[in-house]
Amino acid sequence: GQELSTIHNRVGLTYYRLMQYREAANHFTKAFSIALANKDTLGTRQIAPNVIDTWLRLENQPELISFLKSARFIAEHEKMRFKEFYNHSYVRAYLLTGDYKMAEPYVKELHRLVNDSSAVNYRSMMYKAVIPYYVAAGEYKKIYKYLPENESILKQWKIFSGLADNYLWWYKADSALGNHADAIKHYKLYKQASDSSLRLTANDQVNQLMIQYETFKKDQEIASKESNITALTTQ
């Protein structure tokens, strides 16, 4: 069971890298269900972020919220620091439709869980949810506290797509508050980061055929394992 869950998760990751998010979601949800059936708490915790991120990519709010409700038990596990990611995911889920009112309690909880002294990955997670929340709510002044540090972290990690988002939020805040010179500067930075992100995507596509071939082989392996399990069950 655990081996089959791992295979589904790996195939899901491959489809995710190929930006074939529907196929990725299919494999991740299977991997999660198998881990859940086997009471593999560590496995469910490792796979859950993949499921969540894929539904976010697909902008599928109903599936995402349904999954978050079913995965609540992970957030309630005392020894697992999953609460931050869980609340961050709810904020981003509601922001898919601009529903900042529904996101508000999760923003408050995120602020409670994550503070200035928290580890950098938790602060980055908070910024990714809280900044667009304040933009959606029209509370632009509140995001200036977070934008520079978010920029610094994303530059360090070379996450150009995240940088592009950050500059776009900055540009929106500048424009709304009438800071036109800053708005032009941040829009230019947004375009530069977007171009860098597109170049990286183009480079990735060079490797895609090879990955597709490997994925096909893994899919065959899963089909073979599943038919063997069915045969054994029938016996």
Protein backbone atom coordinates (compact mmCIF):
# COMPACT_ATOMS: atom_id res chain seq x y z
CA GLY A 1 0.00 0.00 0.00
CA GLN A 2 2.67 2.49 1.04
CA GLU A 3 4.75 1.70 -2.05
CA LEU A 4 1.75 2.30 -4.35
CA SER A 5 1.04 5.61 -2.59
CA THR A 6 4.69 6.67 -3.13
CA ILE A 7 4.54 5.75 -6.83
CA HIS A 8 1.31 7.75 -7.35
CA ASN A 9 2.89 10.74 -5.56
CA ARG A 10 6.06 10.57 -7.72
CA VAL A 11 4.05 10.30 -10.96
CA GLY A 12 1.94 13.24 -9.72
CA LEU A 13 5.10 15.30 -9.18
CA THR A 14 6.25 14.48 -12.72
CA TYR A 15 2.92 15.58 -14.23
CA TYR A 16 3.08 18.69 -12.03
CA ARG A 17 6.49 19.61 -13.47
CA LEU A 18 5.01 19.13 -16.94
CA MET A 19 2.24 21.57 -15.91
CA GLN A 20 -0.32 18.82 -16.60
CA TYR A 21 -2.16 19.69 -13.42
CA ARG A 22 -5.31 17.60 -13.97
CA GLU A 23 -3.24 14.42 -14.29
CA ALA A 24 -1.13 15.51 -11.31
CA ALA A 25 -4.27 16.03 -9.17
CA ASN A 26 -5.53 12.60 -10.15
CA HIS A 27 -2.32 10.89 -8.95
CA PHE A 28 -1.90 13.04 -5.82
CA THR A 29 -5.47 12.37 -4.64
CA LYS A 30 -4.97 8.62 -5.20
CA ALA A 31 -1.68 8.76 -3.26
CA PHE A 32 -3.41 10.63 -0.41
CA SER A 33 -6.36 8.19 -0.27
CA ILE A 34 -4.02 5.17 -0.12
CA ALA A 35 -1.89 6.78 2.64
CA LEU A 36 -5.08 7.63 4.55
CA ALA A 37 -6.43 4.07 4.22
CA ASN A 38 -3.09 2.76 5.56
CA LYS A 39 -3.21 5.23 8.50
CA ASP A 40 0.12 6.61 7.23
CA THR A 41 0.01 10.04 8.94
CA LEU A 42 3.49 11.06 7.76
CA GLY A 43 2.58 10.10 4.18
CA THR A 44 -0.67 12.10 4.26
CA ARG A 45 1.22 15.12 5.60
CA GLN A 46 3.79 14.90 2.79
CA ILE A 47 1.20 14.42 0.04
CA ALA A 48 -1.45 16.94 1.22
CA PRO A 49 0.54 20.06 0.13
CA ASN A 50 0.86 18.56 -3.37
CA VAL A 51 -2.91 18.04 -3.60
CA ILE A 52 -3.58 21.57 -2.30
CA ASP A 53 -1.07 23.26 -4.61
CA THR A 54 -2.44 21.44 -7.66
CA TRP A 55 -6.05 22.47 -6.96
CA LEU A 56 -4.75 26.04 -6.53
CA ARG A 57 -3.02 25.83 -9.93
CA LEU A 58 -6.27 24.59 -11.45
CA GLU A 59 -8.16 27.36 -9.59
CA ASN A 60 -10.62 24.68 -8.51
CA GLN A 61 -12.05 26.23 -5.35
CA PRO A 62 -14.77 23.61 -4.60
CA GLU A 63 -12.32 20.66 -4.78
CA LEU A 64 -9.72 22.58 -2.77
CA ILE A 65 -12.10 23.54 0.05
CA SER A 66 -13.56 20.03 0.11
CA PHE A 67 -10.03 18.59 0.43
CA LEU A 68 -9.06 21.07 3.17
CA LYS A 69 -12.13 20.02 5.18
CA SER A 70 -11.19 16.34 4.82
CA ALA A 71 -7.53 17.01 5.74
CA ARG A 72 -8.29 19.03 8.90
CA PHE A 73 -7.02 16.15 11.08
CA ILE A 74 -3.44 16.91 9.95
CA ALA A 75 -3.70 20.52 11.14
CA GLU A 76 -5.00 19.31 14.51
CA HIS A 77 -2.01 16.99 15.07
CA GLU A 78 0.00 18.68 17.86
CA LYS A 79 3.46 17.48 16.82
CA MET A 80 3.04 18.37 13.16
CA ARG A 81 3.53 22.00 12.20
CA PHE A 82 0.88 21.87 9.51
CA LYS A 83 -1.42 24.55 10.96
CA GLU A 84 0.43 27.38 9.19
CA PHE A 85 0.20 25.76 5.77
CA TYR A 86 -3.42 24.78 6.40
CA ASN A 87 -4.56 28.34 7.22
CA HIS A 88 -2.48 29.79 4.37
CA SER A 89 -4.21 27.36 1.98
CA TYR A 90 -7.70 28.40 3.12
CA VAL A 91 -6.85 32.09 2.50
CA ARG A 92 -5.59 31.34 -1.00
CA ALA A 93 -8.62 29.11 -1.70
CA TYR A 94 -11.12 31.89 -0.90
CA LEU A 95 -9.04 34.49 -2.76
CA LEU A 96 -9.52 32.45 -5.97
CA THR A 97 -12.95 34.12 -6.11
CA GLY A 98 -11.87 37.30 -4.28
CA ASP A 99 -13.92 36.27 -1.23
CA TYR A 100 -11.73 38.05 1.34
CA LYS A 101 -14.51 38.05 4.00
CA MET A 102 -14.43 34.22 4.14
CA ALA A 103 -10.60 34.34 4.23
CA GLU A 104 -10.47 36.79 7.15
CA PRO A 105 -10.57 34.32 10.11
CA TYR A 106 -7.76 32.28 8.51
CA VAL A 107 -5.66 35.44 8.06
CA LYS A 108 -6.11 36.21 11.77
CA GLU A 109 -5.08 32.65 12.70
CA LEU A 110 -2.08 32.87 10.35
CA HIS A 111 -0.94 36.09 12.06
CA ARG A 112 -1.29 34.33 15.43
CA LEU A 113 0.76 31.32 14.31
CA VAL A 114 3.44 33.16 12.34
CA ASN A 115 5.35 36.16 13.67
CA ASP A 116 8.50 38.12 12.76
CA SER A 117 10.70 35.62 14.61
CA SER A 118 9.22 32.57 12.85
CA ALA A 119 11.38 30.53 10.44
CA VAL A 120 11.77 32.11 7.00
CA ASN A 121 9.67 29.42 5.23
CA TYR A 122 6.70 30.16 7.54
CA ARG A 123 7.05 33.92 7.02
CA SER A 124 7.20 33.40 3.25
CA MET A 125 4.06 31.24 3.46
CA MET A 126 2.26 33.95 5.40
CA TYR A 127 3.24 36.69 2.92
CA LYS A 128 1.92 34.64 0.00
CA ALA A 129 -1.53 34.59 1.64
CA VAL A 130 -1.69 37.84 3.62
CA ILE A 131 -0.43 40.27 0.92
CA PRO A 132 -3.05 39.31 -1.72
CA TYR A 133 -5.70 39.22 1.06
CA TYR A 134 -5.05 42.90 1.91
CA VAL A 135 -5.01 43.76 -1.82
CA ALA A 136 -8.42 42.05 -2.26
CA ALA A 137 -9.75 43.83 0.84
CA GLY A 138 -8.42 47.19 -0.44
CA GLU A 139 -6.27 47.63 2.71
CA TYR A 140 -3.19 48.57 0.67
CA LYS A 141 -1.18 50.36 3.37
CA LYS A 142 -0.90 47.15 5.43
CA ILE A 143 1.14 45.31 2.78
CA TYR A 144 4.12 47.70 2.70
CA LYS A 145 5.36 46.04 5.89
CA TYR A 146 5.64 42.67 4.10
CA LEU A 147 6.57 43.43 0.47
CA PRO A 148 10.32 44.19 0.91
CA GLU A 149 11.06 41.08 2.99
CA ASN A 150 9.01 38.89 0.66
CA GLU A 151 11.02 40.32 -2.26
CA SER A 152 14.29 39.57 -0.44
CA ILE A 153 13.32 35.94 0.33
CA LEU A 154 12.11 35.25 -3.23
CA LYS A 155 15.27 36.77 -4.75
CA GLN A 156 17.39 34.58 -2.47
CA TRP A 157 15.40 31.48 -3.48
CA LYS A 158 15.32 32.59 -7.17
CA ILE A 159 11.52 32.09 -7.35
CA PHE A 160 10.79 34.43 -10.28
CA SER A 161 7.07 33.62 -10.55
CA GLY A 162 6.66 34.56 -6.85
CA LEU A 163 8.70 37.75 -7.40
CA ALA A 164 6.43 38.68 -10.32
CA ASP A 165 3.38 38.27 -8.03
CA ASN A 166 5.04 40.37 -5.33
CA TYR A 167 5.84 43.24 -7.74
CA LEU A 168 2.31 43.11 -9.17
CA TRP A 169 0.82 43.45 -5.65
CA TRP A 170 3.26 46.32 -4.99
CA TYR A 171 2.24 48.01 -8.24
CA LYS A 172 -1.49 47.67 -7.34
CA ALA A 173 -0.92 49.19 -3.91
CA ASP A 174 1.20 52.06 -5.35
CA SER A 175 -1.45 52.78 -8.02
CA ALA A 176 -4.35 52.70 -5.53
CA LEU A 177 -2.54 55.08 -3.17
CA GLY A 178 -1.43 57.44 -5.96
CA ASN A 179 2.32 56.64 -5.70
CA HIS A 180 2.72 56.85 -9.49
CA ALA A 181 6.54 56.90 -9.73
CA ASP A 182 6.78 53.78 -7.53
CA ALA A 183 3.93 52.16 -9.46
CA ILE A 184 5.89 52.53 -12.75
CA LYS A 185 9.06 51.17 -11.11
CA HIS A 186 7.29 48.11 -9.67
CA TYR A 187 5.43 47.43 -12.92
CA LYS A 188 8.77 47.32 -14.77
CA LEU A 189 10.16 44.93 -12.14
CA TYR A 190 7.00 42.81 -12.50
CA LYS A 191 7.59 42.54 -16.28
CA GLN A 192 11.27 41.61 -15.77
CA ALA A 193 10.44 38.90 -13.21
CA SER A 194 7.67 37.56 -15.49
CA ASP A 195 10.12 37.35 -18.42
CA SER A 196 12.65 35.48 -16.25
CA SER A 197 9.92 33.08 -15.15
CA LEU A 198 8.87 32.48 -18.79
CA ARG A 199 12.50 31.83 -19.82
CA LEU A 200 12.82 29.23 -17.05
CA THR A 201 9.58 27.59 -18.21
CA ALA A 202 10.91 27.45 -21.79
CA ASN A 203 14.11 25.77 -20.55
CA ASP A 204 12.06 23.24 -18.61
CA GLN A 205 10.12 22.32 -21.74
CA VAL A 206 13.34 21.03 -23.34
CA ASN A 207 13.37 18.20 -20.77
CA GLN A 208 9.66 17.42 -21.02
CA LEU A 209 9.74 14.71 -23.68
CA MET A 210 12.17 12.66 -21.62
CA ILE A 211 10.03 13.12 -18.51
CA GLN A 212 6.89 12.13 -20.46
CA TYR A 213 8.56 8.90 -21.50
CA GLU A 214 9.53 8.14 -17.86
CA THR A 215 5.97 9.00 -16.74
CA PHE A 216 4.52 6.62 -19.31
CA LYS A 217 6.77 3.85 -17.93
CA LYS A 218 5.70 4.62 -14.34
CA ASP A 219 2.02 4.66 -15.37
CA GLN A 220 2.51 1.18 -16.87
CA GLU A 221 4.14 0.08 -13.61
CA ILE A 222 1.16 1.36 -11.57
CA ALA A 223 -1.34 -0.36 -13.91
CA SER A 224 0.62 -3.61 -13.56
CA LYS A 225 0.76 -3.35 -9.73
CA GLU A 226 -2.95 -2.50 -9.48
CA SER A 227 -3.94 -5.43 -11.71
CA ASN A 228 -1.76 -7.74 -9.55
CA ILE A 229 -3.47 -6.44 -6.38
CA THR A 230 -6.91 -6.98 -7.98
CA ALA A 231 -5.93 -10.52 -9.00
CA LEU A 232 -4.70 -11.32 -5.46
CA THR A 233 -7.87 -9.85 -3.92
CA THR A 234 -10.05 -11.90 -6.26
CA GLN A 235 -8.16 -15.06 -5.29
